[in-house]
């Protein structure tokens, strides 16, 4: 991976809503499932709209009614967990790639 690609990834991470992100299970208008990624932790109460702040929601992997968001493989929870985890993992991975490259460059220069 080129340094320019790492820069692009880092810029995307910096521009995104700050971490941490959490998976939340909420209810939609027909008391069905809404699986979301949020800046607020899940309360375990499966709040039904409008009893949660929509401004906390980063992304949704399932909105059942009306069926706006869905995935054919039904991996709503897994996809939400991946998105939430990636918000902190991707910047750490970029940092680790750069750290390892610096170590390798130091070995090559006789340090």
C-alpha atoms as a PDB file:
ATOM      1  CA  UNK A   1       0.000   0.000   0.000  1.00  0.00           C
ATOM      2  CA  UNK A   2       1.377   3.372  -0.997  1.00  0.00           C
ATOM      3  CA  UNK A   3       1.821   6.206   1.494  1.00  0.00           C
ATOM      4  CA  UNK A   4      -0.716   8.240  -0.497  1.00  0.00           C
ATOM      5  CA  UNK A   5      -3.305   5.519   0.104  1.00  0.00           C
ATOM      6  CA  UNK A   6      -2.588   5.611   3.827  1.00  0.00           C
ATOM      7  CA  UNK A   7      -2.957   9.407   3.722  1.00  0.00           C
ATOM      8  CA  UNK A   8      -6.363   9.049   2.030  1.00  0.00           C
ATOM      9  CA  UNK A   9      -7.537   6.543   4.619  1.00  0.00           C
ATOM     10  CA  UNK A  10      -6.294   8.771   7.423  1.00  0.00           C
ATOM     11  CA  UNK A  11      -8.092  11.786   5.939  1.00  0.00           C
ATOM     12  CA  UNK A  12     -11.365   9.835   5.680  1.00  0.00           C
ATOM     13  CA  UNK A  13     -11.015   8.743   9.299  1.00  0.00           C
ATOM     14  CA  UNK A  14     -10.295  12.286  10.452  1.00  0.00           C
ATOM     15  CA  UNK A  15     -13.295  13.666   8.572  1.00  0.00           C
ATOM     16  CA  UNK A  16     -15.744  11.120  10.020  1.00  0.00           C
ATOM     17  CA  UNK A  17     -17.766  11.631  13.194  1.00  0.00           C
ATOM     18  CA  UNK A  18     -15.428  11.100  16.155  1.00  0.00           C
ATOM     19  CA  UNK A  19     -15.218   7.758  17.920  1.00  0.00           C
ATOM     20  CA  UNK A  20     -16.337   5.785  19.797  1.00  0.00           C
ATOM     21  CA  UNK A  21     -19.201   4.260  17.875  1.00  0.00           C
ATOM     22  CA  UNK A  22     -21.590   1.675  19.297  1.00  0.00           C
ATOM     23  CA  UNK A  23     -24.130  -0.826  17.990  1.00  0.00           C
ATOM     24  CA  UNK A  24     -27.672  -0.009  19.085  1.00  0.00           C
ATOM     25  CA  UNK A  25     -30.816  -2.070  18.747  1.00  0.00           C
ATOM     26  CA  UNK A  26     -33.814   0.227  18.490  1.00  0.00           C
ATOM     27  CA  UNK A  27     -37.415   0.011  17.315  1.00  0.00           C
ATOM     28  CA  UNK A  28     -38.956   1.666  14.282  1.00  0.00           C
ATOM     29  CA  UNK A  29     -42.506   2.951  13.820  1.00  0.00           C
ATOM     30  CA  UNK A  30     -44.062  -0.509  13.621  1.00  0.00           C
ATOM     31  CA  UNK A  31     -42.171  -1.870  16.654  1.00  0.00           C
ATOM     32  CA  UNK A  32     -39.874  -3.879  14.443  1.00  0.00           C
ATOM     33  CA  UNK A  33     -36.076  -3.935  14.482  1.00  0.00           C
ATOM     34  CA  UNK A  34     -33.773  -1.037  13.762  1.00  0.00           C
ATOM     35  CA  UNK A  35     -30.073  -1.919  14.013  1.00  0.00           C
ATOM     36  CA  UNK A  36     -27.875   1.161  14.037  1.00  0.00           C
ATOM     37  CA  UNK A  37     -24.369   2.444  14.626  1.00  0.00           C
ATOM     38  CA  UNK A  38     -24.460   5.313  17.066  1.00  0.00           C
ATOM     39  CA  UNK A  39     -22.283   7.713  19.025  1.00  0.00           C
ATOM     40  CA  UNK A  40     -24.362   6.810  22.094  1.00  0.00           C
ATOM     41  CA  UNK A  41     -24.085   3.381  23.721  1.00  0.00           C
ATOM     42  CA  UNK A  42     -26.950   0.916  23.601  1.00  0.00           C
ATOM     43  CA  UNK A  43     -29.178   1.176  26.664  1.00  0.00           C
ATOM     44  CA  UNK A  44     -30.672  -2.288  26.320  1.00  0.00           C
ATOM     45  CA  UNK A  45     -34.151  -0.726  26.264  1.00  0.00           C
ATOM     46  CA  UNK A  46     -34.666  -0.982  22.471  1.00  0.00           C
ATOM     47  CA  UNK A  47     -36.020   2.553  22.420  1.00  0.00           C
ATOM     48  CA  UNK A  48     -38.714   3.289  19.899  1.00  0.00           C
ATOM     49  CA  UNK A  49     -38.588   6.454  17.842  1.00  0.00           C
ATOM     50  CA  UNK A  50     -38.963   9.288  18.875  1.00  0.00           C
ATOM     51  CA  UNK A  51     -37.482   8.161  22.208  1.00  0.00           C
ATOM     52  CA  UNK A  52     -33.928   8.225  20.902  1.00  0.00           C
ATOM     53  CA  UNK A  53     -31.966  11.086  19.410  1.00  0.00           C
ATOM     54  CA  UNK A  54     -31.656  10.556  15.663  1.00  0.00           C
ATOM     55  CA  UNK A  55     -28.582  12.817  15.673  1.00  0.00           C
ATOM     56  CA  UNK A  56     -26.676  10.045  17.487  1.00  0.00           C
ATOM     57  CA  UNK A  57     -27.168   7.605  14.598  1.00  0.00           C
ATOM     58  CA  UNK A  58     -24.192   7.227  12.239  1.00  0.00           C
ATOM     59  CA  UNK A  59     -25.500   4.390  10.080  1.00  0.00           C
ATOM     60  CA  UNK A  60     -28.181   1.725  10.011  1.00  0.00           C
ATOM     61  CA  UNK A  61     -27.852  -1.860   8.878  1.00  0.00           C
ATOM     62  CA  UNK A  62     -31.523  -2.716   9.313  1.00  0.00           C
ATOM     63  CA  UNK A  63     -34.678  -0.596   9.154  1.00  0.00           C
ATOM     64  CA  UNK A  64     -37.577  -3.017   8.893  1.00  0.00           C
ATOM     65  CA  UNK A  65     -40.580  -0.730   8.634  1.00  0.00           C
ATOM     66  CA  UNK A  66     -40.702   0.758   6.222  1.00  0.00           C
ATOM     67  CA  UNK A  67     -38.050  -1.564   4.848  1.00  0.00           C
ATOM     68  CA  UNK A  68     -35.478   1.090   3.945  1.00  0.00           C
ATOM     69  CA  UNK A  69     -32.309  -0.692   4.997  1.00  0.00           C
ATOM     70  CA  UNK A  70     -31.702  -4.412   4.798  1.00  0.00           C
ATOM     71  CA  UNK A  71     -29.064  -6.901   3.734  1.00  0.00           C
ATOM     72  CA  UNK A  72     -29.824 -10.031   1.779  1.00  0.00           C
ATOM     73  CA  UNK A  73     -27.650 -12.205   4.000  1.00  0.00           C
ATOM     74  CA  UNK A  74     -29.353 -10.991   7.204  1.00  0.00           C
ATOM     75  CA  UNK A  75     -26.047 -10.016   8.839  1.00  0.00           C
ATOM     76  CA  UNK A  76     -27.423  -6.766  10.275  1.00  0.00           C
ATOM     77  CA  UNK A  77     -25.828  -7.191  13.699  1.00  0.00           C
ATOM     78  CA  UNK A  78     -22.496  -8.348  12.290  1.00  0.00           C
ATOM     79  CA  UNK A  79     -22.357  -5.478   9.779  1.00  0.00           C
ATOM     80  CA  UNK A  80     -23.157  -2.929  12.483  1.00  0.00           C
ATOM     81  CA  UNK A  81     -20.461  -4.411  14.743  1.00  0.00           C
ATOM     82  CA  UNK A  82     -17.932  -4.203  11.900  1.00  0.00           C
ATOM     83  CA  UNK A  83     -18.753  -0.558  11.123  1.00  0.00           C
ATOM     84  CA  UNK A  84     -18.544   0.436  14.789  1.00  0.00           C
ATOM     85  CA  UNK A  85     -15.259  -1.440  15.290  1.00  0.00           C
ATOM     86  CA  UNK A  86     -13.723  -0.035  12.103  1.00  0.00           C
ATOM     87  CA  UNK A  87     -14.068   3.558  13.361  1.00  0.00           C
ATOM     88  CA  UNK A  88     -11.290   2.942  15.882  1.00  0.00           C
ATOM     89  CA  UNK A  89      -9.480   0.003  14.272  1.00  0.00           C
ATOM     90  CA  UNK A  90      -8.737   1.600  10.892  1.00  0.00           C
ATOM     91  CA  UNK A  91      -6.832   4.590  12.320  1.00  0.00           C
ATOM     92  CA  UNK A  92      -4.874   2.191  14.568  1.00  0.00           C
ATOM     93  CA  UNK A  93      -4.034  -0.003  11.586  1.00  0.00           C
ATOM     94  CA  UNK A  94      -2.760   2.982   9.589  1.00  0.00           C
ATOM     95  CA  UNK A  95      -0.624   3.984  12.576  1.00  0.00           C
ATOM     96  CA  UNK A  96       0.718   0.440  12.895  1.00  0.00           C
ATOM     97  CA  UNK A  97       1.627   0.226   9.198  1.00  0.00           C
ATOM     98  CA  UNK A  98       3.545   3.487   9.511  1.00  0.00           C
ATOM     99  CA  UNK A  99       5.268   2.324  12.718  1.00  0.00           C
ATOM    100  CA  UNK A 100       6.365  -0.928  11.092  1.00  0.00           C
ATOM    101  CA  UNK A 101       7.591   0.893   7.983  1.00  0.00           C
ATOM    102  CA  UNK A 102       9.658   3.211  10.163  1.00  0.00           C
ATOM    103  CA  UNK A 103      11.174   0.209  11.934  1.00  0.00           C
ATOM    104  CA  UNK A 104      12.016  -1.427   8.613  1.00  0.00           C
ATOM    105  CA  UNK A 105      13.499   1.801   7.277  1.00  0.00           C
ATOM    106  CA  UNK A 106      15.620   2.070  10.430  1.00  0.00           C
ATOM    107  CA  UNK A 107      16.962  -1.465   9.916  1.00  0.00           C
ATOM    108  CA  UNK A 108      17.853  -0.678   6.332  1.00  0.00           C
ATOM    109  CA  UNK A 109      19.856   2.397   7.289  1.00  0.00           C
ATOM    110  CA  UNK A 110      21.982   0.526   9.829  1.00  0.00           C
ATOM    111  CA  UNK A 111      20.352   2.021  12.930  1.00  0.00           C
END
